[in-house]
Amino acid sequence: MIDPLLSPQSYESLTISSAAVALTAPQSKVTGHKPTAAFVSVESYAIRYRLDGVAPTASEGHLMNVGDTVLLSGTPSVLGFLGIRVTSDAIVKVTYFY
């Protein structure tokens, strides 16, 4: 659950391809801080992701299929996200909270 005091301020659509991709995690337009949470949804094709700073592979990492969502809680989790496609380029949608 997202803290009700947090404000959604940024959104992006990312293509996840054959090289590990990090979230952009833009700074807040109001405070200049990095996001404290992010809501990620998979729109097309499966991805794998890791949060520990190690790049996932097509066969290693947490699997997310089309329609799956994950709430990343805490700036380290948001900044640590790395995703990679499983078979075909995937699209993920991300809303950042500050």
N, C-alpha and C. Protein backbone atom coordinates (compact mmCIF):
# COMPACT_ATOMS: atom_id res chain seq x y z
N MET A 1 0.84 -1.19 0.00
CA MET A 1 0.00 0.00 0.00
C MET A 1 0.88 1.24 0.00
N ILE A 2 0.48 2.22 -0.76
CA ILE A 2 1.22 3.47 -0.84
C ILE A 2 0.75 4.40 0.27
N ASP A 3 1.69 5.01 0.95
CA ASP A 3 1.39 5.98 1.99
C ASP A 3 0.47 7.06 1.39
N PRO A 4 -0.70 7.29 2.00
CA PRO A 4 -1.63 8.27 1.44
C PRO A 4 -1.09 9.70 1.44
N LEU A 5 0.01 9.94 2.17
CA LEU A 5 0.59 11.27 2.18
C LEU A 5 1.53 11.49 0.99
N LEU A 6 1.87 10.41 0.27
CA LEU A 6 2.74 10.55 -0.89
C LEU A 6 1.94 11.06 -2.09
N SER A 7 2.62 11.76 -2.95
CA SER A 7 1.95 12.36 -4.10
C SER A 7 2.51 11.78 -5.40
N PRO A 8 1.63 11.31 -6.32
CA PRO A 8 2.11 10.87 -7.62
C PRO A 8 2.47 12.10 -8.45
N GLN A 9 3.74 12.19 -8.88
CA GLN A 9 4.18 13.38 -9.60
C GLN A 9 4.80 13.09 -10.96
N SER A 10 5.19 11.84 -11.19
CA SER A 10 5.85 11.52 -12.47
C SER A 10 5.33 10.20 -13.00
N TYR A 11 5.40 10.06 -14.32
CA TYR A 11 4.93 8.86 -15.00
C TYR A 11 5.82 8.64 -16.20
N GLU A 12 6.06 7.37 -16.53
CA GLU A 12 6.80 7.07 -17.76
C GLU A 12 6.39 5.72 -18.31
N SER A 13 6.65 5.58 -19.60
CA SER A 13 6.47 4.32 -20.29
C SER A 13 7.86 3.90 -20.75
N LEU A 14 8.28 2.70 -20.36
CA LEU A 14 9.62 2.22 -20.70
C LEU A 14 9.56 0.98 -21.57
N THR A 15 10.47 0.90 -22.51
CA THR A 15 10.65 -0.32 -23.28
C THR A 15 11.74 -1.13 -22.61
N ILE A 16 11.42 -2.37 -22.28
CA ILE A 16 12.38 -3.28 -21.66
C ILE A 16 12.87 -4.21 -22.76
N SER A 17 14.18 -4.19 -23.02
CA SER A 17 14.74 -4.93 -24.15
C SER A 17 15.73 -5.98 -23.66
N SER A 18 16.71 -6.31 -24.50
CA SER A 18 17.64 -7.40 -24.22
C SER A 18 18.79 -7.00 -23.30
N ALA A 19 18.92 -5.73 -22.97
CA ALA A 19 19.90 -5.26 -21.99
C ALA A 19 19.13 -4.74 -20.77
N ALA A 20 19.65 -4.99 -19.58
CA ALA A 20 18.96 -4.57 -18.36
C ALA A 20 18.71 -3.06 -18.36
N VAL A 21 17.49 -2.68 -17.97
CA VAL A 21 17.06 -1.28 -17.97
C VAL A 21 16.67 -0.88 -16.55
N ALA A 22 17.16 0.29 -16.11
CA ALA A 22 16.78 0.85 -14.82
C ALA A 22 15.61 1.81 -15.02
N LEU A 23 14.86 2.06 -13.96
CA LEU A 23 13.82 3.08 -14.01
C LEU A 23 14.48 4.45 -14.03
N THR A 24 13.87 5.40 -14.70
CA THR A 24 14.44 6.74 -14.77
C THR A 24 14.45 7.41 -13.41
N ALA A 25 13.40 7.19 -12.62
CA ALA A 25 13.28 7.74 -11.25
C ALA A 25 13.62 9.22 -11.20
N PRO A 26 12.85 10.06 -11.91
CA PRO A 26 13.15 11.49 -11.94
C PRO A 26 12.98 12.15 -10.58
N GLN A 27 13.66 13.24 -10.39
CA GLN A 27 13.52 14.00 -9.15
C GLN A 27 12.16 14.67 -9.11
N SER A 28 11.67 14.86 -7.89
CA SER A 28 10.40 15.56 -7.69
C SER A 28 10.50 16.98 -8.22
N LYS A 29 9.44 17.42 -8.89
CA LYS A 29 9.38 18.80 -9.39
C LYS A 29 9.19 19.78 -8.23
N VAL A 30 8.68 19.27 -7.10
CA VAL A 30 8.39 20.13 -5.96
C VAL A 30 9.56 20.18 -4.98
N THR A 31 10.07 18.99 -4.58
CA THR A 31 11.10 18.94 -3.53
C THR A 31 12.50 18.68 -4.04
N GLY A 32 12.64 18.15 -5.25
CA GLY A 32 13.96 17.78 -5.77
C GLY A 32 14.45 16.43 -5.30
N HIS A 33 13.65 15.71 -4.52
CA HIS A 33 14.03 14.40 -4.00
C HIS A 33 13.73 13.30 -5.02
N LYS A 34 14.39 12.16 -4.84
CA LYS A 34 14.09 10.97 -5.63
C LYS A 34 12.80 10.35 -5.10
N PRO A 35 12.10 9.54 -5.91
CA PRO A 35 10.84 8.95 -5.47
C PRO A 35 11.01 7.97 -4.32
N THR A 36 10.00 7.90 -3.47
CA THR A 36 10.01 6.97 -2.35
C THR A 36 9.18 5.72 -2.65
N ALA A 37 8.47 5.71 -3.77
CA ALA A 37 7.70 4.54 -4.18
C ALA A 37 7.45 4.62 -5.68
N ALA A 38 7.19 3.46 -6.28
CA ALA A 38 6.85 3.41 -7.70
C ALA A 38 5.90 2.25 -7.93
N PHE A 39 4.91 2.48 -8.76
CA PHE A 39 3.96 1.45 -9.16
C PHE A 39 4.30 1.07 -10.59
N VAL A 40 4.63 -0.21 -10.82
CA VAL A 40 5.07 -0.69 -12.13
C VAL A 40 4.07 -1.72 -12.64
N SER A 41 3.62 -1.56 -13.89
CA SER A 41 2.73 -2.54 -14.51
C SER A 41 3.31 -2.96 -15.85
N VAL A 42 3.14 -4.25 -16.18
CA VAL A 42 3.62 -4.79 -17.45
C VAL A 42 2.48 -4.76 -18.45
N GLU A 43 2.70 -4.10 -19.59
CA GLU A 43 1.68 -3.93 -20.61
C GLU A 43 1.79 -4.95 -21.74
N SER A 44 3.02 -5.32 -22.09
CA SER A 44 3.20 -6.26 -23.19
C SER A 44 4.45 -7.10 -22.96
N TYR A 45 4.32 -8.38 -23.09
CA TYR A 45 5.41 -9.37 -22.97
C TYR A 45 6.00 -9.41 -21.56
N ALA A 46 6.52 -10.57 -21.22
CA ALA A 46 7.05 -10.82 -19.88
C ALA A 46 8.42 -10.19 -19.68
N ILE A 47 8.68 -9.81 -18.43
CA ILE A 47 10.00 -9.31 -18.04
C ILE A 47 10.47 -10.07 -16.80
N ARG A 48 11.74 -9.93 -16.50
CA ARG A 48 12.29 -10.34 -15.20
C ARG A 48 12.96 -9.12 -14.61
N TYR A 49 12.92 -9.03 -13.28
CA TYR A 49 13.55 -7.88 -12.63
C TYR A 49 14.25 -8.30 -11.35
N ARG A 50 15.21 -7.48 -10.96
CA ARG A 50 15.90 -7.64 -9.68
C ARG A 50 16.00 -6.27 -9.04
N LEU A 51 16.14 -6.26 -7.72
CA LEU A 51 16.24 -5.01 -6.96
C LEU A 51 17.56 -4.86 -6.23
N ASP A 52 18.44 -5.85 -6.35
CA ASP A 52 19.67 -5.88 -5.57
C ASP A 52 20.89 -5.31 -6.29
N GLY A 53 20.68 -4.65 -7.42
CA GLY A 53 21.80 -4.06 -8.15
C GLY A 53 22.47 -5.01 -9.13
N VAL A 54 22.01 -6.26 -9.17
CA VAL A 54 22.55 -7.24 -10.11
C VAL A 54 21.59 -7.32 -11.30
N ALA A 55 22.14 -7.31 -12.50
CA ALA A 55 21.30 -7.35 -13.69
C ALA A 55 20.61 -8.70 -13.82
N PRO A 56 19.30 -8.70 -14.08
CA PRO A 56 18.58 -9.95 -14.33
C PRO A 56 18.95 -10.49 -15.71
N THR A 57 18.57 -11.73 -15.96
CA THR A 57 18.71 -12.32 -17.29
C THR A 57 17.33 -12.80 -17.72
N ALA A 58 17.24 -13.32 -18.92
CA ALA A 58 15.95 -13.81 -19.42
C ALA A 58 15.45 -15.01 -18.61
N SER A 59 16.33 -15.63 -17.83
CA SER A 59 15.93 -16.80 -17.03
C SER A 59 16.15 -16.61 -15.53
N GLU A 60 16.66 -15.46 -15.10
CA GLU A 60 16.95 -15.24 -13.68
C GLU A 60 16.41 -13.89 -13.24
N GLY A 61 15.69 -13.88 -12.13
CA GLY A 61 15.08 -12.68 -11.58
C GLY A 61 13.60 -12.94 -11.36
N HIS A 62 12.92 -11.98 -10.76
CA HIS A 62 11.48 -12.09 -10.52
C HIS A 62 10.74 -11.97 -11.85
N LEU A 63 9.85 -12.90 -12.13
CA LEU A 63 9.09 -12.91 -13.37
C LEU A 63 7.83 -12.07 -13.24
N MET A 64 7.58 -11.22 -14.23
CA MET A 64 6.33 -10.47 -14.33
C MET A 64 5.76 -10.70 -15.72
N ASN A 65 4.52 -11.14 -15.76
CA ASN A 65 3.82 -11.35 -17.02
C ASN A 65 2.92 -10.17 -17.32
N VAL A 66 2.36 -10.13 -18.52
CA VAL A 66 1.44 -9.07 -18.90
C VAL A 66 0.31 -8.98 -17.88
N GLY A 67 0.04 -7.77 -17.42
CA GLY A 67 -1.01 -7.55 -16.43
C GLY A 67 -0.52 -7.57 -15.00
N ASP A 68 0.69 -8.07 -14.76
CA ASP A 68 1.24 -8.09 -13.41
C ASP A 68 1.66 -6.68 -12.99
N THR A 69 1.59 -6.42 -11.69
CA THR A 69 2.02 -5.15 -11.13
C THR A 69 2.90 -5.41 -9.91
N VAL A 70 3.72 -4.43 -9.61
CA VAL A 70 4.52 -4.48 -8.39
C VAL A 70 4.61 -3.06 -7.84
N LEU A 71 4.54 -2.96 -6.52
CA LEU A 71 4.72 -1.68 -5.84
C LEU A 71 6.11 -1.70 -5.23
N LEU A 72 6.96 -0.81 -5.67
CA LEU A 72 8.30 -0.69 -5.12
C LEU A 72 8.23 0.34 -4.00
N SER A 73 8.57 -0.08 -2.81
CA SER A 73 8.48 0.78 -1.64
C SER A 73 9.87 1.13 -1.13
N GLY A 74 10.16 2.40 -1.06
CA GLY A 74 11.45 2.88 -0.60
C GLY A 74 12.34 3.26 -1.76
N THR A 75 13.06 4.35 -1.60
CA THR A 75 13.94 4.85 -2.65
C THR A 75 14.97 3.82 -3.09
N PRO A 76 15.59 3.04 -2.17
CA PRO A 76 16.55 2.03 -2.63
C PRO A 76 15.93 1.00 -3.59
N SER A 77 14.69 0.61 -3.36
CA SER A 77 14.03 -0.35 -4.25
C SER A 77 13.77 0.29 -5.61
N VAL A 78 13.32 1.53 -5.61
CA VAL A 78 13.03 2.22 -6.87
C VAL A 78 14.33 2.38 -7.68
N LEU A 79 15.39 2.82 -7.02
CA LEU A 79 16.65 3.04 -7.71
C LEU A 79 17.35 1.73 -8.06
N GLY A 80 17.05 0.64 -7.34
CA GLY A 80 17.69 -0.64 -7.59
C GLY A 80 17.03 -1.49 -8.66
N PHE A 81 15.85 -1.09 -9.13
CA PHE A 81 15.12 -1.88 -10.12
C PHE A 81 15.91 -1.98 -11.42
N LEU A 82 16.10 -3.21 -11.89
CA LEU A 82 16.66 -3.48 -13.22
C LEU A 82 15.77 -4.52 -13.87
N GLY A 83 15.30 -4.24 -15.09
CA GLY A 83 14.42 -5.17 -15.79
C GLY A 83 15.00 -5.57 -17.14
N ILE A 84 14.64 -6.76 -17.58
CA ILE A 84 15.06 -7.27 -18.88
C ILE A 84 13.91 -8.07 -19.49
N ARG A 85 13.83 -8.10 -20.81
CA ARG A 85 12.77 -8.86 -21.47
C ARG A 85 13.05 -10.35 -21.34
N VAL A 86 12.00 -11.17 -21.42
CA VAL A 86 12.17 -12.62 -21.43
C VAL A 86 12.33 -13.11 -22.87
N THR A 87 11.44 -12.71 -23.77
CA THR A 87 11.55 -13.14 -25.17
C THR A 87 11.46 -11.99 -26.17
N SER A 88 10.53 -11.07 -25.97
CA SER A 88 10.32 -9.95 -26.88
C SER A 88 10.34 -8.64 -26.09
N ASP A 89 10.66 -7.54 -26.76
CA ASP A 89 10.66 -6.24 -26.08
C ASP A 89 9.32 -6.02 -25.40
N ALA A 90 9.38 -5.57 -24.16
CA ALA A 90 8.18 -5.38 -23.35
C ALA A 90 8.01 -3.90 -23.03
N ILE A 91 6.78 -3.52 -22.73
CA ILE A 91 6.47 -2.16 -22.31
C ILE A 91 6.00 -2.22 -20.86
N VAL A 92 6.59 -1.36 -20.02
CA VAL A 92 6.11 -1.22 -18.64
C VAL A 92 5.71 0.24 -18.44
N LYS A 93 4.72 0.43 -17.60
CA LYS A 93 4.25 1.77 -17.23
C LYS A 93 4.60 1.98 -15.77
N VAL A 94 5.09 3.17 -15.44
CA VAL A 94 5.57 3.46 -14.08
C VAL A 94 5.00 4.78 -13.60
N THR A 95 4.42 4.79 -12.40
CA THR A 95 4.03 6.00 -11.72
C THR A 95 4.91 6.15 -10.49
N TYR A 96 5.51 7.33 -10.34
CA TYR A 96 6.41 7.61 -9.21
C TYR A 96 5.70 8.43 -8.16
N PHE A 97 5.98 8.10 -6.89
CA PHE A 97 5.38 8.79 -5.76
C PHE A 97 6.49 9.43 -4.92
N TYR A 98 6.21 10.65 -4.41
CA TYR A 98 7.19 11.42 -3.65
C TYR A 98 6.63 11.83 -2.31
